[in-house]
Protein backbone atom coordinates (compact mmCIF):
# COMPACT_ATOMS: atom_id res chain seq x y z
CA MET A 1 63.65 21.25 88.26
CA MET A 2 61.00 23.27 90.25
CA ARG A 3 61.24 26.85 90.72
CA ASN A 4 59.23 29.58 92.64
CA ASN A 5 55.97 27.42 92.40
CA GLY A 6 57.63 24.63 94.45
CA LYS A 7 55.38 24.65 97.42
CA SER A 8 52.34 24.49 95.07
CA THR A 9 53.72 21.30 93.43
CA PHE A 10 54.31 19.52 96.60
CA PHE A 11 51.11 20.63 97.44
CA VAL A 12 49.39 19.32 94.30
CA ASN A 13 52.02 15.99 94.65
CA PHE A 14 50.73 15.77 98.29
CA ALA A 15 47.01 15.64 97.26
CA MET A 16 47.63 12.54 94.67
CA VAL A 17 49.30 10.77 96.95
CA ILE A 18 46.61 10.97 99.71
CA HIS A 19 43.69 10.14 97.05
CA LEU A 20 45.53 7.06 95.77
CA LEU A 21 45.98 5.94 99.35
CA ASN A 22 41.92 6.22 99.89
CA VAL A 23 41.45 4.61 96.64
CA LYS A 24 43.96 1.47 97.48
CA ASN A 25 41.49 1.53 100.71
CA MET A 26 38.65 1.00 98.73
CA SER A 27 40.31 -1.92 96.89
CA LYS A 28 41.31 -3.45 100.28
CA THR A 29 37.30 -2.75 101.32
CA ILE A 30 36.17 -4.47 98.38
CA ASP A 31 38.67 -7.49 98.97
CA LEU A 32 37.42 -7.94 102.76
CA GLN A 33 34.11 -7.46 101.60
CA VAL A 34 34.51 -10.93 98.86
CA GLU A 35 36.10 -12.45 101.53
CA LYS A 36 33.23 -12.18 104.32
CA SER A 37 30.78 -13.03 101.73
CA ASN A 38 32.44 -15.89 100.37
CA THR A 39 33.11 -17.28 103.58
CA LEU A 40 28.83 -16.41 104.73
CA LEU A 41 28.03 -18.14 101.09
CA LYS A 42 30.22 -21.64 101.99
CA ALA A 43 28.47 -21.50 105.52
CA PHE A 44 25.07 -20.83 104.28
CA ARG A 45 25.10 -23.65 101.29
CA GLU A 46 26.57 -26.39 103.79
CA HIS A 47 23.56 -25.29 105.99
CA LEU A 48 20.68 -24.46 103.48
CA SER A 49 18.23 -26.98 104.55
CA ASP A 50 18.46 -25.17 107.99
CA LEU A 51 17.95 -21.64 106.24
CA ILE A 52 15.20 -22.22 103.96
CA ASP A 53 12.34 -21.95 106.31
CA LYS A 54 13.86 -18.35 106.83
CA GLY A 55 13.76 -17.36 103.29
CA VAL A 56 17.07 -18.43 102.03
CA ASN A 57 17.15 -20.53 99.01
CA ALA A 58 19.82 -21.69 96.38
CA GLU A 59 18.86 -19.12 93.76
CA GLN A 60 19.92 -16.15 96.13
CA LEU A 61 22.58 -17.81 97.04
CA ASN A 62 23.75 -18.20 93.21
CA GLU A 63 22.68 -14.70 92.43
CA MET A 64 25.00 -13.70 95.15
CA GLU A 65 27.81 -15.82 94.04
CA ARG A 66 27.57 -13.94 90.58
CA LYS A 67 27.45 -10.48 91.98
CA LEU A 68 30.78 -11.09 93.95
CA ALA A 69 32.53 -12.32 90.67
CA GLU A 70 31.10 -9.31 89.07
CA LEU A 71 32.45 -7.35 91.75
CA LYS A 72 35.93 -8.72 91.49
CA VAL A 73 36.06 -8.00 87.53
CA ALA A 74 35.16 -4.57 88.36
CA ASN A 75 37.41 -4.12 91.07
CA GLU A 76 40.47 -5.80 88.97
CA THR A 77 39.47 -3.59 86.03
CA CYS A 78 39.74 -0.52 88.47
CA ASP A 79 43.18 -1.09 89.91
CA ARG A 80 44.29 -1.62 85.87
CA MET A 81 42.80 1.82 85.28
CA ARG A 82 44.47 3.47 88.34
CA ASP A 83 47.72 2.25 87.55
CA GLU A 84 47.36 3.27 83.90
CA LEU A 85 46.18 6.83 85.15
CA SER A 86 48.77 7.09 87.80
CA ASN A 87 51.10 6.55 85.28
CA GLN A 88 49.95 9.47 82.89
CA VAL A 89 49.25 11.76 85.46
CA LYS A 90 53.07 11.25 86.12
CA ILE A 91 53.88 12.01 82.45
CA THR A 92 51.40 14.97 82.09
CA ASN A 93 52.87 16.45 85.28
CA ALA A 94 56.57 16.19 84.15
CA LEU A 95 55.22 17.92 80.64
CA LEU A 96 53.48 20.47 82.29
CA GLN A 97 56.41 21.34 84.65
CA ASP A 98 58.16 21.70 81.35
CA VAL A 99 56.45 23.83 79.62
CA LYS A 100 55.91 26.04 82.32
CA GLU A 101 60.06 26.36 82.67
CA ASN A 102 60.01 26.61 78.79
CA TYR A 103 57.46 29.73 79.04
CA LEU A 104 59.09 31.24 81.82
CA GLU A 105 62.68 30.91 80.37
CA LYS A 106 61.07 32.63 77.03
CA LYS A 107 59.46 35.38 78.86
CA LYS A 108 62.59 36.55 80.69
CA VAL A 109 64.08 36.93 77.21
CA ILE A 110 61.20 39.53 76.54
CA LYS A 111 61.55 40.82 79.82
CA GLY A 112 65.24 41.25 79.80
CA TYR A 113 65.42 43.19 76.35
CA TYR A 114 62.25 45.05 75.84
CA LEU A 115 60.43 47.88 77.60
CA GLN A 116 57.41 46.95 79.59
CA GLU A 117 55.45 49.08 76.98
CA GLU A 118 56.49 46.27 74.02
CA TRP A 119 55.73 43.32 76.27
CA SER A 120 52.60 42.64 75.01
CA LYS A 121 53.63 42.82 71.14
CA TYR A 122 55.18 39.25 72.07
CA GLY A 123 52.76 37.63 74.17
CA VAL A 124 54.13 38.85 77.81
CA ILE A 125 51.27 40.36 79.78
CA ASP A 126 52.24 42.35 82.72
CA LYS A 127 49.65 41.72 85.36
CA ARG A 128 50.64 44.13 87.83
């Protein structure tokens, strides 16, 4: 039930969709980095003896592995929070739309039955 502000509601919803797509891309970026890092770690572990004289050691690889595990957990937490936020935004927008419609309906009552000079008495401010 969109009224006069249908265009602005469309643009707000469109902006939300674009933002969510960008956020999903960030999650994909993290997934790709985890995959690439795991591949690198596996290869480094297999060839660690060749890399020790290059400054690479097992403790560094273990630390990198711990950080990757932390990143996975953090990313999963972000995904869960995004889903919750997305649902809450939908609920909030629906409530906002309902409140706006109720406000406009009640305002029409005052404007339809009272002179403009009396509108402010009922909380209706004319901004003209």
